[in-house]
Protein backbone atom coordinates (compact mmCIF):
# COMPACT_ATOMS: atom_id res chain seq x y z
CA UNK A 1 1.01 -18.12 7.63
CA UNK A 2 0.07 -21.68 6.82
CA UNK A 3 -3.68 -22.42 7.13
CA UNK A 4 -4.54 -25.10 9.68
CA UNK A 5 -7.60 -27.01 10.74
CA UNK A 6 -9.55 -25.38 13.52
CA UNK A 7 -9.75 -28.77 15.22
CA UNK A 8 -6.07 -28.39 16.17
CA UNK A 9 -6.60 -25.43 18.48
CA UNK A 10 -8.34 -24.57 21.70
CA UNK A 11 -9.22 -21.48 23.66
CA UNK A 12 -10.30 -20.30 27.08
CA UNK A 13 -11.85 -17.06 28.26
CA UNK A 14 -9.96 -16.51 31.53
CA UNK A 15 -7.45 -18.02 33.89
CA UNK A 16 -10.16 -19.48 36.13
CA UNK A 17 -11.53 -21.55 33.24
CA UNK A 18 -8.30 -23.30 32.34
CA UNK A 19 -8.38 -25.59 35.32
CA UNK A 20 -5.57 -27.29 37.22
CA UNK A 21 -4.65 -29.60 34.33
CA UNK A 22 -3.97 -26.73 31.90
CA UNK A 23 -0.82 -25.04 33.27
CA UNK A 24 0.76 -22.27 31.25
CA UNK A 25 4.19 -22.89 29.67
CA UNK A 26 7.06 -21.52 31.72
CA UNK A 27 7.42 -17.77 31.43
CA UNK A 28 3.98 -17.08 29.98
CA UNK A 29 1.54 -14.70 31.59
CA UNK A 30 -2.12 -15.49 31.14
CA UNK A 31 -4.45 -12.63 30.38
CA UNK A 32 -7.70 -11.96 32.20
CA UNK A 33 -9.56 -11.83 28.90
CA UNK A 34 -10.04 -14.18 25.93
CA UNK A 35 -7.18 -16.55 25.21
CA UNK A 36 -6.56 -18.68 22.10
CA UNK A 37 -4.19 -21.62 21.83
CA UNK A 38 -2.48 -22.27 18.51
CA UNK A 39 -0.59 -25.38 17.30
CA UNK A 40 3.16 -25.36 17.83
CA UNK A 41 4.09 -25.43 14.14
CA UNK A 42 3.00 -21.79 13.89
CA UNK A 43 5.48 -20.81 16.58
CA UNK A 44 8.42 -20.21 14.23
CA UNK A 45 6.55 -17.51 12.30
CA UNK A 46 4.99 -15.97 15.41
CA UNK A 47 8.33 -15.85 17.20
CA UNK A 48 9.92 -14.24 14.14
CA UNK A 49 7.28 -11.53 14.34
CA UNK A 50 4.61 -12.36 11.77
CA UNK A 51 1.76 -9.97 12.65
CA UNK A 52 -1.30 -11.87 11.38
CA UNK A 53 -3.45 -14.80 12.45
CA UNK A 54 -6.07 -15.86 9.91
CA UNK A 55 -9.59 -16.97 10.73
CA UNK A 56 -8.90 -20.61 9.85
CA UNK A 57 -6.28 -20.61 12.61
CA UNK A 58 -8.99 -19.86 15.16
CA UNK A 59 -10.84 -22.58 17.14
CA UNK A 60 -14.38 -23.34 16.09
CA UNK A 61 -16.91 -21.60 18.28
CA UNK A 62 -14.62 -18.85 19.52
CA UNK A 63 -16.21 -15.40 19.55
CA UNK A 64 -15.43 -11.95 20.88
CA UNK A 65 -16.39 -8.40 20.10
CA UNK A 66 -14.47 -6.69 17.32
CA UNK A 67 -11.66 -4.60 18.80
CA UNK A 68 -11.18 -6.85 21.85
CA UNK A 69 -7.61 -7.55 22.97
CA UNK A 70 -6.90 -11.30 22.66
CA UNK A 71 -3.98 -13.30 23.99
CA UNK A 72 -2.74 -16.09 21.68
CA UNK A 73 -0.41 -18.80 22.97
CA UNK A 74 1.62 -20.99 20.64
CA UNK A 75 4.08 -23.34 22.31
CA UNK A 76 6.12 -21.11 24.60
CA UNK A 77 5.30 -17.93 22.62
CA UNK A 78 2.60 -15.56 23.77
CA UNK A 79 1.30 -12.61 21.73
CA UNK A 80 -1.49 -10.03 22.07
CA UNK A 81 -3.60 -8.72 19.24
CA UNK A 82 -6.89 -7.06 18.30
CA UNK A 83 -9.78 -9.31 17.30
CA UNK A 84 -11.85 -8.77 14.15
CA UNK A 85 -15.08 -10.74 14.20
CA UNK A 86 -15.76 -10.42 10.46
CA UNK A 87 -12.47 -10.26 8.58
CA UNK A 88 -10.55 -13.30 7.33
CA UNK A 89 -7.63 -11.63 9.08
CA UNK A 90 -8.95 -12.47 12.52
CA UNK A 91 -6.14 -11.19 14.74
CA UNK A 92 -3.58 -8.44 14.20
CA UNK A 93 -0.66 -8.85 16.61
CA UNK A 94 0.91 -5.87 18.37
CA UNK A 95 2.76 -7.11 21.42
CA UNK A 96 4.25 -9.97 23.43
CA UNK A 97 3.74 -8.27 26.76
CA UNK A 98 0.06 -7.30 26.78
CA UNK A 99 -2.29 -4.77 25.19
CA UNK A 100 -0.62 -1.58 23.98
CA UNK A 101 -0.83 1.44 26.25
CA UNK A 102 -0.42 5.11 25.45
CA UNK A 103 3.31 5.18 26.22
CA UNK A 104 4.00 2.26 23.88
CA UNK A 105 2.09 3.87 21.04
CA UNK A 106 4.02 7.11 21.53
CA UNK A 107 7.28 5.16 21.47
CA UNK A 108 6.38 3.50 18.18
CA UNK A 109 5.34 6.77 16.57
CA UNK A 110 8.60 8.39 17.76
CA UNK A 111 10.65 5.51 16.37
CA UNK A 112 8.92 5.81 12.99
CA UNK A 113 9.36 9.59 13.00
CA UNK A 114 13.09 9.26 13.73
CA UNK A 115 13.54 6.92 10.75
CA UNK A 116 11.84 9.36 8.40
CA UNK A 117 13.74 12.38 9.73
CA UNK A 118 17.02 10.61 9.04
CA UNK A 119 16.05 10.09 5.39
CA UNK A 120 13.86 13.04 4.44
CA UNK A 121 15.30 15.89 2.42
CA UNK A 122 14.31 19.54 2.70
CA UNK A 123 12.56 19.44 -0.68
CA UNK A 124 10.07 16.71 0.33
CA UNK A 125 7.26 17.31 2.83
CA UNK A 126 4.86 14.47 2.00
CA UNK A 127 5.74 11.03 3.31
CA UNK A 128 4.46 7.95 5.08
CA UNK A 129 5.04 8.15 8.82
CA UNK A 130 3.44 4.83 9.87
CA UNK A 131 3.36 1.93 7.43
CA UNK A 132 1.13 -0.49 9.31
CA UNK A 133 2.84 -3.82 9.97
CA UNK A 134 6.19 -2.43 8.80
CA UNK A 135 6.20 0.00 11.73
CA UNK A 136 4.70 -2.44 14.28
CA UNK A 137 1.23 -0.88 13.97
CA UNK A 138 -0.79 -3.42 11.93
CA UNK A 139 -3.83 -2.04 10.13
CA UNK A 140 -2.89 1.60 10.70
CA UNK A 141 -1.29 3.95 8.18
CA UNK A 142 -0.31 7.56 8.83
CA UNK A 143 0.67 9.83 5.95
CA UNK A 144 2.01 13.33 6.45
CA UNK A 145 1.24 16.13 4.00
CA UNK A 146 3.10 19.22 5.13
CA UNK A 147 1.48 20.32 8.41
CA UNK A 148 -1.35 17.74 8.18
CA UNK A 149 -1.54 14.06 9.12
CA UNK A 150 -3.95 11.51 7.66
CA UNK A 151 -4.68 8.35 9.64
CA UNK A 152 -6.01 5.50 7.48
CA UNK A 153 -7.45 2.48 9.27
CA UNK A 154 -7.85 -0.95 7.67
CA UNK A 155 -10.40 -3.01 9.57
CA UNK A 156 -12.82 -2.12 12.34
CA UNK A 157 -10.72 -3.75 15.06
CA UNK A 158 -8.02 -1.10 14.93
CA UNK A 159 -10.50 1.58 16.00
CA UNK A 160 -9.56 0.47 19.52
CA UNK A 161 -6.12 2.03 19.03
CA UNK A 162 -7.25 5.13 17.18
CA UNK A 163 -7.50 7.49 20.20
CA UNK A 164 -3.98 6.48 21.30
CA UNK A 165 -2.59 7.03 17.80
CA UNK A 166 -4.19 10.47 17.51
CA UNK A 167 -2.84 11.46 20.94
CA UNK A 168 0.64 10.22 19.98
CA UNK A 169 0.60 12.21 16.73
CA UNK A 170 -0.32 15.35 18.63
CA UNK A 171 2.61 14.78 20.98
CA UNK A 172 5.24 13.83 18.39
CA UNK A 173 4.24 15.92 15.35
CA UNK A 174 2.07 18.76 16.66
CA UNK A 175 0.19 18.80 13.32
CA UNK A 176 -2.14 21.61 12.28
CA UNK A 177 -4.84 19.02 11.61
CA UNK A 178 -5.43 15.26 11.78
CA UNK A 179 -7.83 13.52 9.39
CA UNK A 180 -9.10 9.95 9.88
CA UNK A 181 -10.10 7.83 6.88
CA UNK A 182 -11.55 4.33 7.31
CA UNK A 183 -10.45 2.55 4.18
CA UNK A 184 -12.80 0.38 2.15
CA UNK A 185 -12.08 -3.00 0.59
CA UNK A 186 -10.67 -1.54 -2.61
CA UNK A 187 -8.04 0.30 -0.54
CA UNK A 188 -8.38 3.45 -2.64
CA UNK A 189 -11.57 4.93 -1.23
CA UNK A 190 -12.73 5.53 2.29
CA UNK A 191 -15.91 6.01 4.25
CA UNK A 192 -16.80 9.04 6.35
CA UNK A 193 -13.44 10.86 6.45
CA UNK A 194 -13.48 13.29 9.34
CA UNK A 195 -11.14 15.71 11.06
CA UNK A 196 -10.43 14.71 14.65
CA UNK A 197 -7.97 17.46 15.54
CA UNK A 198 -7.19 21.01 14.54
CA UNK A 199 -7.94 22.72 11.25
CA UNK A 200 -9.06 20.99 8.03
CA UNK A 201 -6.66 21.14 5.12
CA UNK A 202 -7.64 23.30 2.12
CA UNK A 203 -8.87 21.50 -1.01
CA UNK A 204 -5.94 22.96 -2.92
CA UNK A 205 -3.27 21.85 -0.43
CA UNK A 206 0.14 21.94 -2.10
CA UNK A 207 2.89 19.52 -1.17
CA UNK A 208 6.43 18.99 -2.40
CA UNK A 209 8.15 15.81 -3.57
CA UNK A 210 11.86 16.11 -4.45
CA UNK A 211 11.19 19.73 -5.30
CA UNK A 212 8.20 18.91 -7.54
CA UNK A 213 4.85 20.39 -6.51
CA UNK A 214 1.51 18.56 -6.40
CA UNK A 215 -1.99 19.27 -5.19
CA UNK A 216 -3.24 16.76 -2.61
CA UNK A 217 -6.91 16.15 -1.82
CA UNK A 218 -6.81 14.60 1.63
CA UNK A 219 -10.58 14.17 1.96
CA UNK A 220 -11.47 12.64 -1.41
CA UNK A 221 -8.22 11.61 -3.10
CA UNK A 222 -7.20 7.99 -3.65
CA UNK A 223 -5.32 6.35 -0.80
CA UNK A 224 -4.80 9.25 1.60
CA UNK A 225 -4.51 11.92 -1.08
CA UNK A 226 -1.59 10.84 -3.27
CA UNK A 227 0.21 7.61 -4.10
CA UNK A 228 3.23 8.30 -1.90
CA UNK A 229 4.53 4.76 -2.42
CA UNK A 230 5.47 5.61 -6.03
CA UNK A 231 7.55 8.68 -5.15
CA UNK A 232 10.98 7.20 -5.95
CA UNK A 233 9.60 5.31 -8.96
CA UNK A 234 8.35 8.59 -10.41
CA UNK A 235 11.92 9.89 -10.18
CA UNK A 236 13.19 6.75 -11.89
CA UNK A 237 10.78 7.19 -14.79
CA UNK A 238 12.26 10.61 -15.42
CA UNK A 239 15.51 8.92 -16.47
CA UNK A 240 13.66 7.24 -19.34
CA UNK A 241 11.75 10.34 -20.44
CA UNK A 242 14.27 12.77 -21.92
CA UNK A 243 13.29 13.53 -25.49
CA UNK A 244 10.73 10.72 -25.38
CA UNK A 245 7.13 10.37 -26.38
CA UNK A 246 5.66 9.13 -23.09
CA UNK A 247 2.36 7.38 -22.40
CA UNK A 248 1.05 7.30 -18.83
CA UNK A 249 -1.76 4.77 -18.36
CA UNK A 250 -4.05 5.10 -15.31
CA UNK A 251 -2.54 8.54 -14.91
CA UNK A 252 -4.80 9.68 -12.04
CA UNK A 253 -3.60 13.21 -11.17
CA UNK A 254 -0.50 12.94 -13.33
CA UNK A 255 2.34 12.13 -10.94
CA UNK A 256 4.38 10.21 -13.52
CA UNK A 257 3.31 12.62 -16.26
CA UNK A 258 4.58 15.73 -14.45
CA UNK A 259 7.96 14.11 -13.75
CA UNK A 260 8.28 12.99 -17.37
CA UNK A 261 7.52 16.49 -18.62
CA UNK A 262 9.95 18.08 -16.18
CA UNK A 263 12.61 15.67 -17.41
CA UNK A 264 12.22 17.01 -20.96
CA UNK A 265 9.86 14.47 -22.46
CA UNK A 266 8.98 15.51 -26.01
CA UNK A 267 5.29 14.89 -25.38
CA UNK A 268 3.28 13.17 -22.61
CA UNK A 269 -0.09 11.49 -23.06
CA UNK A 270 -2.01 10.89 -19.82
CA UNK A 271 -4.94 8.45 -19.95
CA UNK A 272 -7.50 7.88 -17.20
CA UNK A 273 -11.20 7.09 -17.14
CA UNK A 274 -11.85 9.81 -14.53
CA UNK A 275 -12.17 13.27 -16.04
CA UNK A 276 -11.78 15.12 -12.68
CA UNK A 277 -8.48 13.32 -12.06
CA UNK A 278 -7.09 14.46 -15.41
CA UNK A 279 -8.28 18.00 -14.73
CA UNK A 280 -6.24 17.95 -11.54
CA UNK A 281 -3.34 16.50 -13.55
CA UNK A 282 -3.44 19.61 -15.74
CA UNK A 283 -3.50 21.73 -12.57
CA UNK A 284 -0.35 19.90 -11.44
CA UNK A 285 1.31 20.71 -14.76
CA UNK A 286 0.56 24.41 -14.29
CA UNK A 287 1.74 24.25 -10.68
CA UNK A 288 5.17 23.25 -12.01
CA UNK A 289 5.24 25.88 -14.79
CA UNK A 290 4.45 23.30 -17.47
CA UNK A 291 2.04 24.12 -20.27
CA UNK A 292 -0.70 21.42 -20.43
CA UNK A 293 -1.56 22.35 -24.03
CA UNK A 294 1.76 20.89 -25.17
CA UNK A 295 0.62 17.47 -23.92
CA UNK A 296 -2.44 15.23 -24.19
CA UNK A 297 -5.00 14.31 -21.54
CA UNK A 298 -7.34 11.55 -22.68
CA UNK A 299 -10.45 10.50 -20.77
CA UNK A 300 -10.87 6.86 -21.75
CA UNK A 301 -10.73 3.29 -20.53
CA UNK A 302 -7.08 2.25 -20.81
CA UNK A 303 -7.86 -1.07 -22.50
CA UNK A 304 -9.94 0.70 -25.14
CA UNK A 305 -7.24 3.34 -25.62
CA UNK A 306 -4.54 0.71 -26.13
CA UNK A 307 -6.61 -1.22 -28.65
CA UNK A 308 -7.41 1.92 -30.63
CA UNK A 309 -3.76 3.02 -30.53
CA UNK A 310 -2.61 -0.37 -31.84
CA UNK A 311 -5.13 -0.15 -34.67
CA UNK A 312 -3.73 3.28 -35.55
CA UNK A 313 -0.11 1.98 -35.43
CA UNK A 314 0.81 4.42 -32.66
CA UNK A 315 4.16 3.95 -30.92
CA UNK A 316 5.73 5.45 -27.81
CA UNK A 317 9.28 5.66 -26.55
CA UNK A 318 8.29 5.08 -22.93
CA UNK A 319 5.08 3.71 -21.44
CA UNK A 320 4.23 3.54 -17.74
CA UNK A 321 1.26 1.43 -16.64
CA UNK A 322 0.16 1.67 -13.01
CA UNK A 323 -3.38 0.22 -12.73
CA UNK A 324 -5.41 -0.03 -9.52
CA UNK A 325 -5.39 -3.25 -7.54
CA UNK A 326 -6.93 -6.12 -9.50
CA UNK A 327 -7.49 -8.57 -6.62
CA UNK A 328 -8.52 -8.21 -2.99
CA UNK A 329 -8.28 -11.88 -2.04
CA UNK A 330 -6.35 -15.01 -3.05
CA UNK A 331 -9.49 -16.28 -4.79
CA UNK A 332 -9.16 -13.44 -7.31
CA UNK A 333 -5.48 -14.09 -8.11
CA UNK A 334 -5.96 -15.99 -11.37
CA UNK A 335 -8.32 -13.36 -12.74
CA UNK A 336 -5.85 -10.64 -11.76
CA UNK A 337 -2.96 -12.36 -13.56
CA UNK A 338 -5.04 -12.76 -16.71
CA UNK A 339 -5.95 -9.07 -16.60
CA UNK A 340 -2.32 -8.01 -16.09
CA UNK A 341 -1.16 -10.29 -18.93
CA UNK A 342 -3.67 -8.79 -21.38
CA UNK A 343 -2.93 -5.23 -20.28
CA UNK A 344 0.85 -5.67 -20.53
CA UNK A 345 0.61 -7.39 -23.92
CA UNK A 346 -1.42 -4.47 -25.26
CA UNK A 347 1.09 -1.99 -23.85
CA UNK A 348 4.20 -3.81 -25.06
CA UNK A 349 2.87 -3.76 -28.63
CA UNK A 350 3.01 0.05 -28.59
CA UNK A 351 6.64 0.42 -27.45
CA UNK A 352 9.01 1.35 -30.24
CA UNK A 353 12.03 -0.86 -30.85
CA UNK A 354 14.51 -0.05 -28.08
CA UNK A 355 11.94 1.81 -26.00
CA UNK A 356 10.86 1.22 -22.40
CA UNK A 357 7.81 -0.24 -20.67
CA UNK A 358 7.41 0.46 -16.94
CA UNK A 359 4.93 -2.00 -15.43
CA UNK A 360 3.60 -1.56 -11.92
CA UNK A 361 1.23 -3.52 -9.69
CA UNK A 362 -0.12 -2.72 -6.24
CA UNK A 363 -1.98 -6.05 -5.98
CA UNK A 364 -0.61 -7.67 -2.83
CA UNK A 365 -1.69 -11.16 -3.92
CA UNK A 366 0.66 -10.96 -6.94
CA UNK A 367 4.22 -11.63 -5.75
CA UNK A 368 7.25 -10.10 -7.49
CA UNK A 369 8.01 -13.52 -8.96
CA UNK A 370 4.49 -13.94 -10.36
CA UNK A 371 4.62 -10.40 -11.73
CA UNK A 372 7.83 -11.11 -13.64
CA UNK A 373 6.38 -14.38 -14.96
CA UNK A 374 3.33 -12.47 -16.14
CA UNK A 375 5.54 -10.02 -18.04
CA UNK A 376 7.36 -12.93 -19.72
CA UNK A 377 4.03 -14.31 -20.93
CA UNK A 378 2.90 -10.88 -22.14
CA UNK A 379 6.08 -10.30 -24.13
CA UNK A 380 5.86 -13.77 -25.64
CA UNK A 381 2.24 -13.18 -26.63
CA UNK A 382 3.14 -10.15 -28.77
CA UNK A 383 6.53 -11.39 -29.96
CA UNK A 384 8.74 -8.84 -28.18
CA UNK A 385 12.08 -9.26 -26.47
CA UNK A 386 12.48 -7.56 -23.10
CA UNK A 387 15.28 -6.88 -20.64
CA UNK A 388 14.76 -5.85 -17.02
CA UNK A 389 16.74 -2.64 -16.59
CA UNK A 390 15.25 -1.61 -13.25
CA UNK A 391 13.16 -3.26 -10.56
CA UNK A 392 11.91 -1.85 -7.26
CA UNK A 393 9.00 -1.70 -4.85
CA UNK A 394 7.60 1.09 -2.73
CA UNK A 395 9.45 4.12 -1.46
CA UNK A 396 11.82 3.86 1.50
CA UNK A 397 9.23 5.33 3.90
CA UNK A 398 7.11 2.20 3.40
CA UNK A 399 9.29 -0.27 5.34
CA UNK A 400 8.42 -3.96 5.30
CA UNK A 401 8.75 -6.14 8.37
CA UNK A 402 11.32 -8.87 7.63
CA UNK A 403 9.00 -11.59 8.94
CA UNK A 404 6.06 -10.25 6.91
CA UNK A 405 6.86 -10.57 3.19
CA UNK A 406 3.18 -9.99 2.42
CA UNK A 407 3.85 -6.36 3.28
CA UNK A 408 5.70 -5.85 0.01
CA UNK A 409 2.71 -5.20 -2.23
CA UNK A 410 4.13 -2.80 -4.85
CA UNK A 411 6.06 -4.00 -7.89
CA UNK A 412 7.72 -1.66 -10.39
CA UNK A 413 9.65 -3.15 -13.32
CA UNK A 414 11.18 -1.20 -16.20
CA UNK A 415 11.74 -3.23 -19.38
CA UNK A 416 13.77 -2.35 -22.44
CA UNK A 417 11.70 -3.66 -25.33
CA UNK A 418 13.09 -4.78 -28.68
CA UNK A 419 11.81 -6.62 -31.71
CA UNK A 420 12.38 -10.37 -31.88
């Protein structure tokens, strides 16, 4: 939403403080708690359902405890959200009728569950049940791994809703166990994961994705255990792997690598700086009756690996590059684009004539348009031609709210690379 000057807004703490000269617009119900007034030009986005209000939309001097329900009025639109006293995302919006109650949370969880049941196949038992803003639950993610559910919270304010979410999951899913992870700024780690219901999952929990088996570490793994958002993209990569020499950069536990090997790749090289992740990648190979010794697992920084490979005139038929997020705020965008441009240029140099380069980015600040522009610059830098043969985002169980384009964070572009 468009930043505005805080001098354009006002707030009051209760109906009794508004006074006789501050009537509410027709049809609006004033809350008994904190109330914020926003300028009318934000009304179009709020009415459409945009779920965020940034701190620079908030009147100077306003304060409330983190996790407090706040009513925001903009023209003749009234919304309710949870206040975060420290984040730049000051208010996450959940409702137009008042704070959420237990029945409303259950209804939203049921609605999300019904969508997934309509699309899930019998050979997949790991999926995203609640995708934050995309499922009308801003700041809250729920991933399901077989009989277990992992609740990931983004921001302290959403702790207010956590007991209602856990109760709704018990009612709708009846999971064996529910784990809560409070996600840190880098969005891959978490602090103090703890089981709030039932039995803890084993460290060697096995899940299934389109019939492919993976180990999932719900307590310590990145995100909530696996990168479920790349599920369909992993399947896509398999189409470019038959008979190919494949390089998987930032391989983590080998999701793309396993699919490539199962799709008859001639040889797969998995590169990651974390040795334990690559050990688990080898475990995932064995889990799918693949012999790790036929492939390569390289513990190294991916930039260093690419530079050394270029010096050795190495070439690959297919390269997939899925680095971690490179920016966590708009201020870091330029640095992120420079890093992506360098990384992609290094990777494109190693693709054989007529081969494929699959570039991915989970950096929300980089739009699909900027990502494509970055790839153009990278190809130009190393003198390669490239065609887009496939482009997608996250898997279908990560829906994006139509009025919230920021929710589409994942980009996945497959290029056919040729000599100039």
